[in-house]
Every structure is written in C-alpha cells, then in structure tokens.
Amino acid sequence: MNRTVLIVGAIITAAIVFVLVAGLGKDPRAIHSPLINKPAPPFALKKAGSDEIVDVSQFRGKPLVINFWATWCGPCWEEHPVLTAGARELEGQVQFVGVVFQDDETKILDFLRQRGYAYPTVIDDRGRTAIAYGVGGVPETFFLDAKGTIVAKHDGPLTADLLRENLRKVMR
C-alpha cells in the first residue's frame, strides 16, 4: 500500500513540476489574441471634441496602429508621449488612432490639451469596439498592415523600442 501511495505521489509531483516548468518565462497576464493574422473588426466612432465620425476603413492602404486607452489609466499616461512622437515621426507612412472607452469626453479633451496629440482619438462610449477587439484592459495596442490585417498586439504601455519592434512587423 505504501509503495502505491509513493508511486502515485511521485507521478502527481512530476506532473506539477512539468506544468510549472512549462510555464516558466511566460507572462501569466498575457492573453494571446485570436485576431492575429485576421482582418481587423470594422468600426466607425465619433472623434473626441467633434461630431466627425472616423471610420477605420478610411485608413486602408497604410499600416495602422490602434491604441485602446483611458484617462484614468496610469500606464496610458506613460505611453502617450511615445505614441504621439511615433505618429509625428511616421506621419504619412503609418496612421495612428486612439480609442478611448469607459471615460468622459471632457476628461479626454483635457488630457489631450495638456499632453498633446498627433492623431485622431475616438470615443467607444458603449465599449462595443473594445469588445470586438477582445480588449481586457488598457492600454492595448493593435498593429494592422496596409490591408487591414492585425499582425501584432501589445498589452501594456509601449516604449519607443516596443513601438518600433511592432511597427517593423507591419511595414514590410
């Protein structure tokens, strides 16, 4: 009986160790998007501060960076200068769009006035676009090629290096 318990215990221990070792080096918070290598979900949303509707399909023909963010998100404040600088540097080559959800338009406009902007920011007031993209939290950024296919996704704040790395994937 003791020998059986010892063997079963060793098998269970080996299985647990295997699972733990297999997960080493993986970010447990990372959620891999099933949208990678698929056409991006379409959307047409109101631009912050105006009645203009921005339709994502109008950007076909050049790479597109779609950044989901909110004013109440600390990491979004960190990455905003990186995205703004990238949009200015790559103007005409890559289009950037900010999608804000779960936020107030007055706060969005105050944020943009204080921190600057270089690309359209649209309001996803019902969260439908965030749901279509499978956004689990902000910031999340999607990188689309010129055909509108999602080539890469980044969860969390972007650094200049991460932005460049992901842009290389869509600017081929």
N, C-alpha and C. Protein backbone atom coordinates (compact mmCIF):
# COMPACT_ATOMS: atom_id res chain seq x y z
N MET A 1 0.83 -1.19 0.00
CA MET A 1 0.00 0.00 0.00
C MET A 1 0.87 1.26 0.00
N ASN A 2 1.91 1.29 0.86
CA ASN A 2 2.79 2.45 0.93
C ASN A 2 3.50 2.68 -0.40
N ARG A 3 3.85 1.57 -1.06
CA ARG A 3 4.53 1.70 -2.34
C ARG A 3 3.60 2.32 -3.39
N THR A 4 2.34 1.97 -3.40
CA THR A 4 1.36 2.54 -4.32
C THR A 4 1.20 4.03 -4.07
N VAL A 5 1.09 4.40 -2.80
CA VAL A 5 0.96 5.82 -2.44
C VAL A 5 2.20 6.59 -2.89
N LEU A 6 3.36 6.02 -2.72
CA LEU A 6 4.62 6.65 -3.11
C LEU A 6 4.67 6.84 -4.63
N ILE A 7 4.26 5.85 -5.39
CA ILE A 7 4.28 5.95 -6.86
C ILE A 7 3.28 6.99 -7.34
N VAL A 8 2.07 6.95 -6.80
CA VAL A 8 1.05 7.94 -7.19
C VAL A 8 1.52 9.35 -6.82
N GLY A 9 2.09 9.49 -5.64
CA GLY A 9 2.60 10.79 -5.21
C GLY A 9 3.71 11.29 -6.12
N ALA A 10 4.60 10.38 -6.54
CA ALA A 10 5.69 10.76 -7.44
C ALA A 10 5.15 11.19 -8.81
N ILE A 11 4.13 10.51 -9.29
CA ILE A 11 3.52 10.87 -10.58
C ILE A 11 2.86 12.23 -10.50
N ILE A 12 2.12 12.47 -9.45
CA ILE A 12 1.46 13.77 -9.26
C ILE A 12 2.49 14.88 -9.14
N THR A 13 3.54 14.65 -8.36
CA THR A 13 4.60 15.64 -8.19
C THR A 13 5.28 15.94 -9.52
N ALA A 14 5.58 14.88 -10.29
CA ALA A 14 6.22 15.07 -11.60
C ALA A 14 5.32 15.88 -12.53
N ALA A 15 4.01 15.63 -12.51
CA ALA A 15 3.07 16.37 -13.35
C ALA A 15 3.04 17.85 -12.95
N ILE A 16 3.02 18.13 -11.67
CA ILE A 16 3.00 19.52 -11.18
C ILE A 16 4.30 20.23 -11.58
N VAL A 17 5.43 19.58 -11.39
CA VAL A 17 6.72 20.17 -11.76
C VAL A 17 6.75 20.44 -13.27
N PHE A 18 6.25 19.51 -14.08
CA PHE A 18 6.21 19.70 -15.54
C PHE A 18 5.39 20.93 -15.90
N VAL A 19 4.23 21.09 -15.31
CA VAL A 19 3.36 22.24 -15.60
C VAL A 19 4.05 23.55 -15.21
N LEU A 20 4.68 23.57 -14.05
CA LEU A 20 5.37 24.77 -13.60
C LEU A 20 6.55 25.11 -14.51
N VAL A 21 7.34 24.13 -14.88
CA VAL A 21 8.49 24.37 -15.75
C VAL A 21 8.03 24.82 -17.13
N ALA A 22 6.96 24.24 -17.65
CA ALA A 22 6.44 24.62 -18.96
C ALA A 22 5.99 26.07 -18.98
N GLY A 23 5.58 26.60 -17.85
CA GLY A 23 5.10 27.98 -17.77
C GLY A 23 6.17 29.00 -17.48
N LEU A 24 7.40 28.55 -17.20
CA LEU A 24 8.47 29.50 -16.90
C LEU A 24 8.72 30.41 -18.09
N GLY A 25 8.92 31.69 -17.83
CA GLY A 25 9.23 32.64 -18.89
C GLY A 25 8.01 33.16 -19.62
N LYS A 26 6.85 32.69 -19.27
CA LYS A 26 5.63 33.17 -19.91
C LYS A 26 4.93 34.15 -18.97
N ASP A 27 4.42 35.22 -19.55
CA ASP A 27 3.69 36.21 -18.77
C ASP A 27 2.29 35.67 -18.49
N PRO A 28 1.96 35.43 -17.23
CA PRO A 28 0.65 34.85 -16.92
C PRO A 28 -0.51 35.80 -17.24
N ARG A 29 -0.21 37.09 -17.39
CA ARG A 29 -1.26 38.06 -17.70
C ARG A 29 -1.48 38.20 -19.20
N ALA A 30 -0.54 37.71 -20.00
CA ALA A 30 -0.64 37.86 -21.45
C ALA A 30 -1.77 36.99 -22.00
N ILE A 31 -2.61 37.64 -22.75
CA ILE A 31 -3.71 36.93 -23.39
C ILE A 31 -3.46 37.05 -24.89
N HIS A 32 -3.17 35.95 -25.53
CA HIS A 32 -2.88 35.97 -26.95
C HIS A 32 -4.18 36.15 -27.73
N SER A 33 -4.18 37.13 -28.60
CA SER A 33 -5.38 37.47 -29.34
C SER A 33 -5.64 36.48 -30.47
N PRO A 34 -6.86 35.98 -30.56
CA PRO A 34 -7.22 35.11 -31.68
C PRO A 34 -7.38 35.92 -32.97
N LEU A 35 -7.27 37.26 -32.89
CA LEU A 35 -7.42 38.12 -34.06
C LEU A 35 -6.14 38.27 -34.88
N ILE A 36 -5.00 37.81 -34.32
CA ILE A 36 -3.75 37.93 -35.05
C ILE A 36 -3.86 37.19 -36.38
N ASN A 37 -3.43 37.86 -37.44
CA ASN A 37 -3.48 37.35 -38.82
C ASN A 37 -4.89 37.25 -39.39
N LYS A 38 -5.81 38.00 -38.77
CA LYS A 38 -7.19 38.06 -39.26
C LYS A 38 -7.54 39.52 -39.56
N PRO A 39 -8.54 39.76 -40.40
CA PRO A 39 -8.96 41.14 -40.67
C PRO A 39 -9.44 41.81 -39.37
N ALA A 40 -9.06 43.07 -39.21
CA ALA A 40 -9.46 43.81 -38.01
C ALA A 40 -10.96 44.07 -38.03
N PRO A 41 -11.62 43.97 -36.88
CA PRO A 41 -13.04 44.30 -36.83
C PRO A 41 -13.26 45.76 -37.26
N PRO A 42 -14.25 46.00 -38.10
CA PRO A 42 -14.51 47.38 -38.54
C PRO A 42 -15.14 48.20 -37.41
N PHE A 43 -14.92 49.50 -37.45
CA PHE A 43 -15.62 50.40 -36.55
C PHE A 43 -15.65 51.80 -37.13
N ALA A 44 -16.67 52.54 -36.74
CA ALA A 44 -16.81 53.95 -37.09
C ALA A 44 -17.29 54.63 -35.81
N LEU A 45 -16.42 55.48 -35.24
CA LEU A 45 -16.72 56.11 -33.96
C LEU A 45 -16.53 57.62 -34.02
N LYS A 46 -17.21 58.30 -33.11
CA LYS A 46 -17.15 59.76 -33.04
C LYS A 46 -15.78 60.22 -32.54
N LYS A 47 -15.23 61.19 -33.25
CA LYS A 47 -13.96 61.77 -32.85
C LYS A 47 -14.18 62.66 -31.63
N ALA A 48 -13.29 62.56 -30.65
CA ALA A 48 -13.41 63.36 -29.43
C ALA A 48 -13.39 64.84 -29.79
N GLY A 49 -14.34 65.58 -29.25
CA GLY A 49 -14.39 67.03 -29.43
C GLY A 49 -15.08 67.48 -30.70
N SER A 50 -15.67 66.57 -31.46
CA SER A 50 -16.37 66.96 -32.68
C SER A 50 -17.48 65.96 -32.96
N ASP A 51 -18.23 66.24 -33.99
CA ASP A 51 -19.27 65.30 -34.42
C ASP A 51 -18.78 64.43 -35.58
N GLU A 52 -17.51 64.60 -35.96
CA GLU A 52 -16.93 63.84 -37.06
C GLU A 52 -16.86 62.35 -36.70
N ILE A 53 -17.21 61.51 -37.65
CA ILE A 53 -17.11 60.06 -37.48
C ILE A 53 -15.83 59.60 -38.17
N VAL A 54 -15.04 58.84 -37.45
CA VAL A 54 -13.81 58.28 -38.00
C VAL A 54 -14.09 56.80 -38.26
N ASP A 55 -14.01 56.44 -39.54
CA ASP A 55 -14.23 55.05 -39.95
C ASP A 55 -12.86 54.43 -40.20
N VAL A 56 -12.56 53.35 -39.49
CA VAL A 56 -11.24 52.72 -39.58
C VAL A 56 -10.92 52.28 -41.00
N SER A 57 -11.92 52.00 -41.80
CA SER A 57 -11.68 51.56 -43.18
C SER A 57 -11.04 52.66 -44.03
N GLN A 58 -11.17 53.91 -43.63
CA GLN A 58 -10.58 55.01 -44.40
C GLN A 58 -9.05 54.97 -44.38
N PHE A 59 -8.47 54.18 -43.48
CA PHE A 59 -7.01 54.12 -43.36
C PHE A 59 -6.39 52.94 -44.12
N ARG A 60 -7.21 52.17 -44.85
CA ARG A 60 -6.66 51.07 -45.63
C ARG A 60 -5.64 51.63 -46.61
N GLY A 61 -4.61 50.87 -46.85
CA GLY A 61 -3.57 51.31 -47.78
C GLY A 61 -2.28 51.71 -47.09
N LYS A 62 -2.36 51.86 -45.77
CA LYS A 62 -1.14 52.13 -45.00
C LYS A 62 -1.26 51.43 -43.65
N PRO A 63 -0.14 51.12 -43.03
CA PRO A 63 -0.21 50.48 -41.72
C PRO A 63 -0.97 51.35 -40.72
N LEU A 64 -1.60 50.70 -39.76
CA LEU A 64 -2.43 51.39 -38.78
C LEU A 64 -2.12 50.88 -37.37
N VAL A 65 -1.99 51.80 -36.44
CA VAL A 65 -1.80 51.49 -35.03
C VAL A 65 -3.07 51.92 -34.31
N ILE A 66 -3.75 50.98 -33.67
CA ILE A 66 -4.96 51.27 -32.91
C ILE A 66 -4.64 51.06 -31.44
N ASN A 67 -4.71 52.15 -30.67
CA ASN A 67 -4.37 52.11 -29.25
C ASN A 67 -5.63 52.34 -28.42
N PHE A 68 -5.98 51.33 -27.60
CA PHE A 68 -7.11 51.45 -26.67
C PHE A 68 -6.57 52.00 -25.36
N TRP A 69 -7.19 53.08 -24.85
CA TRP A 69 -6.68 53.72 -23.65
C TRP A 69 -7.81 54.44 -22.90
N ALA A 70 -7.47 55.02 -21.76
CA ALA A 70 -8.42 55.80 -20.96
C ALA A 70 -7.64 56.80 -20.12
N THR A 71 -8.29 57.90 -19.75
CA THR A 71 -7.60 58.93 -18.96
C THR A 71 -7.31 58.48 -17.54
N TRP A 72 -8.07 57.53 -17.03
CA TRP A 72 -7.88 57.05 -15.66
C TRP A 72 -6.79 55.98 -15.56
N CYS A 73 -6.18 55.66 -16.68
CA CYS A 73 -5.17 54.59 -16.77
C CYS A 73 -3.77 55.18 -16.65
N GLY A 74 -3.07 54.90 -15.56
CA GLY A 74 -1.71 55.40 -15.34
C GLY A 74 -0.74 55.00 -16.44
N PRO A 75 -0.67 53.71 -16.82
CA PRO A 75 0.24 53.31 -17.89
C PRO A 75 -0.07 53.99 -19.23
N CYS A 76 -1.33 54.39 -19.44
CA CYS A 76 -1.69 55.10 -20.67
C CYS A 76 -1.01 56.47 -20.69
N TRP A 77 -0.88 57.10 -19.53
CA TRP A 77 -0.18 58.38 -19.42
C TRP A 77 1.29 58.19 -19.79
N GLU A 78 1.87 57.07 -19.35
CA GLU A 78 3.28 56.77 -19.65
C GLU A 78 3.53 56.62 -21.14
N GLU A 79 2.66 55.91 -21.83
CA GLU A 79 2.90 55.60 -23.24
C GLU A 79 2.45 56.70 -24.18
N HIS A 80 1.64 57.62 -23.73
CA HIS A 80 1.10 58.66 -24.62
C HIS A 80 2.20 59.43 -25.36
N PRO A 81 3.26 59.88 -24.68
CA PRO A 81 4.32 60.60 -25.42
C PRO A 81 5.01 59.73 -26.47
N VAL A 82 5.11 58.44 -26.22
CA VAL A 82 5.73 57.52 -27.18
C VAL A 82 4.87 57.43 -28.44
N LEU A 83 3.57 57.27 -28.25
CA LEU A 83 2.66 57.17 -29.40
C LEU A 83 2.60 58.48 -30.17
N THR A 84 2.55 59.59 -29.46
CA THR A 84 2.49 60.90 -30.11
C THR A 84 3.75 61.15 -30.93
N ALA A 85 4.90 60.85 -30.35
CA ALA A 85 6.18 61.03 -31.08
C ALA A 85 6.24 60.10 -32.29
N GLY A 86 5.80 58.86 -32.12
CA GLY A 86 5.79 57.91 -33.23
C GLY A 86 4.89 58.36 -34.36
N ALA A 87 3.71 58.88 -34.02
CA ALA A 87 2.77 59.36 -35.03
C ALA A 87 3.34 60.55 -35.79
N ARG A 88 4.00 61.44 -35.08
CA ARG A 88 4.60 62.61 -35.74
C ARG A 88 5.76 62.19 -36.64
N GLU A 89 6.58 61.29 -36.14
CA GLU A 89 7.75 60.83 -36.90
C GLU A 89 7.35 60.08 -38.17
N LEU A 90 6.27 59.32 -38.09
CA LEU A 90 5.86 58.46 -39.21
C LEU A 90 4.66 59.00 -39.98
N GLU A 91 4.36 60.29 -39.79
CA GLU A 91 3.22 60.89 -40.47
C GLU A 91 3.31 60.65 -41.98
N GLY A 92 2.21 60.20 -42.55
CA GLY A 92 2.19 59.89 -43.97
C GLY A 92 2.55 58.44 -44.29
N GLN A 93 3.24 57.77 -43.37
CA GLN A 93 3.64 56.38 -43.59
C GLN A 93 2.77 55.41 -42.80
N VAL A 94 2.43 55.80 -41.57
CA VAL A 94 1.65 54.97 -40.65
C VAL A 94 0.57 55.86 -40.03
N GLN A 95 -0.64 55.34 -39.94
CA GLN A 95 -1.73 56.07 -39.29
C GLN A 95 -1.90 55.54 -37.86
N PHE A 96 -2.13 56.42 -36.92
CA PHE A 96 -2.42 56.07 -35.54
C PHE A 96 -3.84 56.51 -35.23
N VAL A 97 -4.54 55.72 -34.40
CA VAL A 97 -5.87 56.06 -33.92
C VAL A 97 -5.95 55.66 -32.45
N GLY A 98 -6.42 56.57 -31.63
CA GLY A 98 -6.66 56.26 -30.22
C GLY A 98 -8.14 55.96 -30.02
N VAL A 99 -8.43 54.88 -29.30
CA VAL A 99 -9.81 54.52 -28.99
C VAL A 99 -9.95 54.55 -27.48
N VAL A 100 -10.80 55.46 -27.00
CA VAL A 100 -10.99 55.62 -25.56
C VAL A 100 -12.33 55.01 -25.17
N PHE A 101 -12.31 54.22 -24.11
CA PHE A 101 -13.58 53.67 -23.62
C PHE A 101 -13.63 53.78 -22.11
N GLN A 102 -14.86 53.69 -21.59
CA GLN A 102 -15.11 53.83 -20.15
C GLN A 102 -14.53 55.14 -19.63
N ASP A 103 -14.85 56.23 -20.32
CA ASP A 103 -14.28 57.52 -19.96
C ASP A 103 -15.25 58.63 -20.34
N ASP A 104 -14.95 59.83 -19.87
CA ASP A 104 -15.77 61.01 -20.08
C ASP A 104 -15.11 61.90 -21.13
N GLU A 105 -15.88 62.41 -22.08
CA GLU A 105 -15.31 63.20 -23.17
C GLU A 105 -14.60 64.46 -22.66
N THR A 106 -15.12 65.09 -21.65
CA THR A 106 -14.46 66.28 -21.10
C THR A 106 -13.07 65.93 -20.57
N LYS A 107 -12.95 64.81 -19.87
CA LYS A 107 -11.65 64.37 -19.35
C LYS A 107 -10.70 64.02 -20.50
N ILE A 108 -11.23 63.42 -21.54
CA ILE A 108 -10.42 63.06 -22.71
C ILE A 108 -9.84 64.32 -23.34
N LEU A 109 -10.70 65.30 -23.57
CA LEU A 109 -10.25 66.55 -24.20
C LEU A 109 -9.25 67.29 -23.32
N ASP A 110 -9.47 67.30 -22.01
CA ASP A 110 -8.50 67.92 -21.10
C ASP A 110 -7.15 67.21 -21.18
N PHE A 111 -7.18 65.88 -21.18
CA PHE A 111 -5.95 65.08 -21.30
C PHE A 111 -5.20 65.45 -22.58
N LEU A 112 -5.90 65.48 -23.70
CA LEU A 112 -5.27 65.77 -24.98
C LEU A 112 -4.73 67.20 -25.05
N ARG A 113 -5.45 68.15 -24.46
CA ARG A 113 -4.95 69.54 -24.42
C ARG A 113 -3.67 69.65 -23.61
N GLN A 114 -3.65 68.96 -22.47
CA GLN A 114 -2.48 69.01 -21.57
C GLN A 114 -1.30 68.23 -22.12
N ARG A 115 -1.54 67.07 -22.69
CA ARG A 115 -0.47 66.15 -23.07
C ARG A 115 -0.12 66.19 -24.57
N GLY A 116 -0.95 66.86 -25.35
CA GLY A 116 -0.71 66.93 -26.78
C GLY A 116 -1.26 65.70 -27.50
N TYR A 117 -1.36 65.82 -28.83
CA TYR A 117 -1.86 64.72 -29.64
C TYR A 117 -1.38 64.90 -31.07
N ALA A 118 -1.34 63.81 -31.80
CA ALA A 118 -0.87 63.86 -33.19
C ALA A 118 -1.69 62.95 -34.10
N TYR A 119 -2.80 62.44 -33.59
CA TYR A 119 -3.63 61.52 -34.37
C TYR A 119 -5.04 61.57 -33.81
N PRO A 120 -6.02 61.09 -34.57
CA PRO A 120 -7.41 61.14 -34.10
C PRO A 120 -7.64 60.23 -32.89
N THR A 121 -8.46 60.75 -31.99
CA THR A 121 -8.90 59.98 -30.83
C THR A 121 -10.41 59.86 -30.93
N VAL A 122 -10.89 58.63 -30.88
CA VAL A 122 -12.32 58.37 -30.99
C VAL A 122 -12.85 57.79 -29.68
N ILE A 123 -14.16 57.93 -29.50
CA ILE A 123 -14.78 57.51 -28.24
C ILE A 123 -15.66 56.28 -28.47
N ASP A 124 -15.31 55.22 -27.77
CA ASP A 124 -16.07 53.97 -27.80
C ASP A 124 -16.99 53.98 -26.59
N ASP A 125 -18.04 54.81 -26.65
CA ASP A 125 -18.86 55.05 -25.46
C ASP A 125 -19.64 53.85 -24.95
N ARG A 126 -19.88 52.88 -25.79
CA ARG A 126 -20.60 51.68 -25.33
C ARG A 126 -19.67 50.47 -25.17
N GLY A 127 -18.41 50.65 -25.53
CA GLY A 127 -17.44 49.58 -25.38
C GLY A 127 -17.53 48.48 -26.42
N ARG A 128 -18.35 48.66 -27.43
CA ARG A 128 -18.53 47.60 -28.43
C ARG A 128 -17.27 47.33 -29.24
N THR A 129 -16.53 48.38 -29.54
CA THR A 129 -15.30 48.20 -30.32
C THR A 129 -14.27 47.46 -29.48
N ALA A 130 -14.14 47.85 -28.21
CA ALA A 130 -13.21 47.16 -27.31
C ALA A 130 -13.57 45.69 -27.19
N ILE A 131 -14.85 45.40 -27.12
CA ILE A 131 -15.30 44.01 -27.04
C ILE A 131 -14.95 43.27 -28.34
N ALA A 132 -15.18 43.91 -29.48
CA ALA A 132 -14.89 43.27 -30.77
C ALA A 132 -13.41 42.94 -30.90
N TYR A 133 -12.55 43.76 -30.30
CA TYR A 133 -11.11 43.52 -30.35
C TYR A 133 -10.62 42.64 -29.19
N GLY A 134 -11.52 42.29 -28.29
CA GLY A 134 -11.14 41.43 -27.17
C GLY A 134 -10.27 42.14 -26.14
N VAL A 135 -10.45 43.45 -26.00
CA VAL A 135 -9.64 44.22 -25.06
C VAL A 135 -10.01 43.82 -23.63
N GLY A 136 -8.98 43.41 -22.88
CA GLY A 136 -9.18 43.00 -21.50
C GLY A 136 -8.84 44.09 -20.51
N GLY A 137 -8.11 45.08 -20.95
CA GLY A 137 -7.69 46.20 -20.10
C GLY A 137 -6.89 47.17 -20.94
N VAL A 138 -6.65 48.32 -20.39
CA VAL A 138 -5.90 49.32 -21.12
C VAL A 138 -4.55 49.57 -20.45
N PRO A 139 -3.56 49.95 -21.23
CA PRO A 139 -3.58 50.10 -22.68
C PRO A 139 -3.36 48.78 -23.41
N GLU A 140 -3.96 48.69 -24.56
CA GLU A 140 -3.73 47.60 -25.50
C GLU A 140 -3.61 48.22 -26.89
N THR A 141 -2.64 47.74 -27.65
CA THR A 141 -2.38 48.32 -28.95
C THR A 141 -2.33 47.23 -30.02
N PHE A 142 -3.03 47.49 -31.12
CA PHE A 142 -3.09 46.57 -32.25
C PHE A 142 -2.36 47.20 -33.43
N PHE A 143 -1.61 46.37 -34.15
CA PHE A 143 -0.82 46.82 -35.30
C PHE A 143 -1.38 46.12 -36.54
N LEU A 144 -1.89 46.92 -37.48
CA LEU A 144 -2.52 46.41 -38.69
C LEU A 144 -1.64 46.72 -39.90
N ASP A 145 -1.59 45.78 -40.84
CA ASP A 145 -0.86 46.05 -42.07
C ASP A 145 -1.74 46.89 -43.00
N ALA A 146 -1.22 47.23 -44.16
CA ALA A 146 -1.93 48.11 -45.09
C ALA A 146 -3.24 47.51 -45.61
N LYS A 147 -3.39 46.19 -45.51
CA LYS A 147 -4.62 45.53 -45.95
C LYS A 147 -5.68 45.46 -44.85
N GLY A 148 -5.32 45.89 -43.63
CA GLY A 148 -6.28 45.85 -42.53
C GLY A 148 -6.23 44.57 -41.72
N THR A 149 -5.16 43.80 -41.85
CA THR A 149 -5.00 42.57 -41.10
C THR A 149 -4.22 42.86 -39.81
N ILE A 150 -4.69 42.33 -38.70
CA ILE A 150 -3.98 42.50 -37.43
C ILE A 150 -2.75 41.60 -37.45
N VAL A 151 -1.59 42.22 -37.39
CA VAL A 151 -0.32 41.50 -37.46
C VAL A 151 0.26 41.29 -36.06
N ALA A 152 0.01 42.23 -35.15
CA ALA A 152 0.57 42.13 -33.80
C ALA A 152 -0.33 42.87 -32.82
N LYS A 153 -0.16 42.48 -31.55
CA LYS A 153 -0.89 43.12 -30.46
C LYS A 153 0.07 43.26 -29.29
N HIS A 154 -0.03 44.38 -28.58
CA HIS A 154 0.79 44.56 -27.38
C HIS A 154 -0.11 44.95 -26.22
N ASP A 155 0.03 44.23 -25.11
CA ASP A 155 -0.69 44.55 -23.88
C ASP A 155 0.23 45.38 -23.00
N GLY A 156 -0.28 46.44 -22.42
CA GLY A 156 0.51 47.28 -21.53
C GLY A 156 1.10 48.47 -22.25
N PRO A 157 1.80 49.31 -21.50
CA PRO A 157 2.34 50.53 -22.11
C PRO A 157 3.48 50.24 -23.09
N LEU A 158 3.47 50.96 -24.19
CA LEU A 158 4.52 50.82 -25.19
C LEU A 158 5.70 51.73 -24.86
N THR A 159 6.88 51.21 -25.06
CA THR A 159 8.09 52.03 -25.03
C THR A 159 8.43 52.33 -26.49
N ALA A 160 9.37 53.22 -26.72
CA ALA A 160 9.78 53.53 -28.09
C ALA A 160 10.31 52.27 -28.79
N ASP A 161 11.07 51.45 -28.06
CA ASP A 161 11.61 50.22 -28.65
C ASP A 161 10.51 49.23 -29.02
N LEU A 162 9.53 49.07 -28.14
CA LEU A 162 8.42 48.15 -28.43
C LEU A 162 7.59 48.66 -29.60
N LEU A 163 7.40 49.96 -29.68
CA LEU A 163 6.65 50.53 -30.81
C LEU A 163 7.38 50.24 -32.11
N ARG A 164 8.69 50.51 -32.15
CA ARG A 164 9.48 50.24 -33.36
C ARG A 164 9.45 48.76 -33.74
N GLU A 165 9.61 47.90 -32.73
CA GLU A 165 9.62 46.45 -32.97
C GLU A 165 8.31 45.99 -33.62
N ASN A 166 7.19 46.49 -33.12
CA ASN A 166 5.89 46.08 -33.67
C ASN A 166 5.62 46.74 -35.01
N LEU A 167 6.08 47.96 -35.20
CA LEU A 167 5.90 48.63 -36.48
C LEU A 167 6.66 47.93 -37.60
N ARG A 168 7.82 47.37 -37.28
CA ARG A 168 8.59 46.61 -38.29
C ARG A 168 7.74 45.47 -38.86
N LYS A 169 6.90 44.89 -38.03
CA LYS A 169 6.07 43.76 -38.47
C LYS A 169 5.01 44.19 -39.51
N VAL A 170 4.56 45.45 -39.44
CA VAL A 170 3.51 45.89 -40.36
C VAL A 170 4.02 46.73 -41.52
N MET A 171 5.27 47.13 -41.47
CA MET A 171 5.82 48.00 -42.51
C MET A 171 6.66 47.23 -43.53
N ARG A 172 6.46 45.95 -43.64
CA ARG A 172 7.23 45.12 -44.59
C ARG A 172 6.81 45.35 -46.00
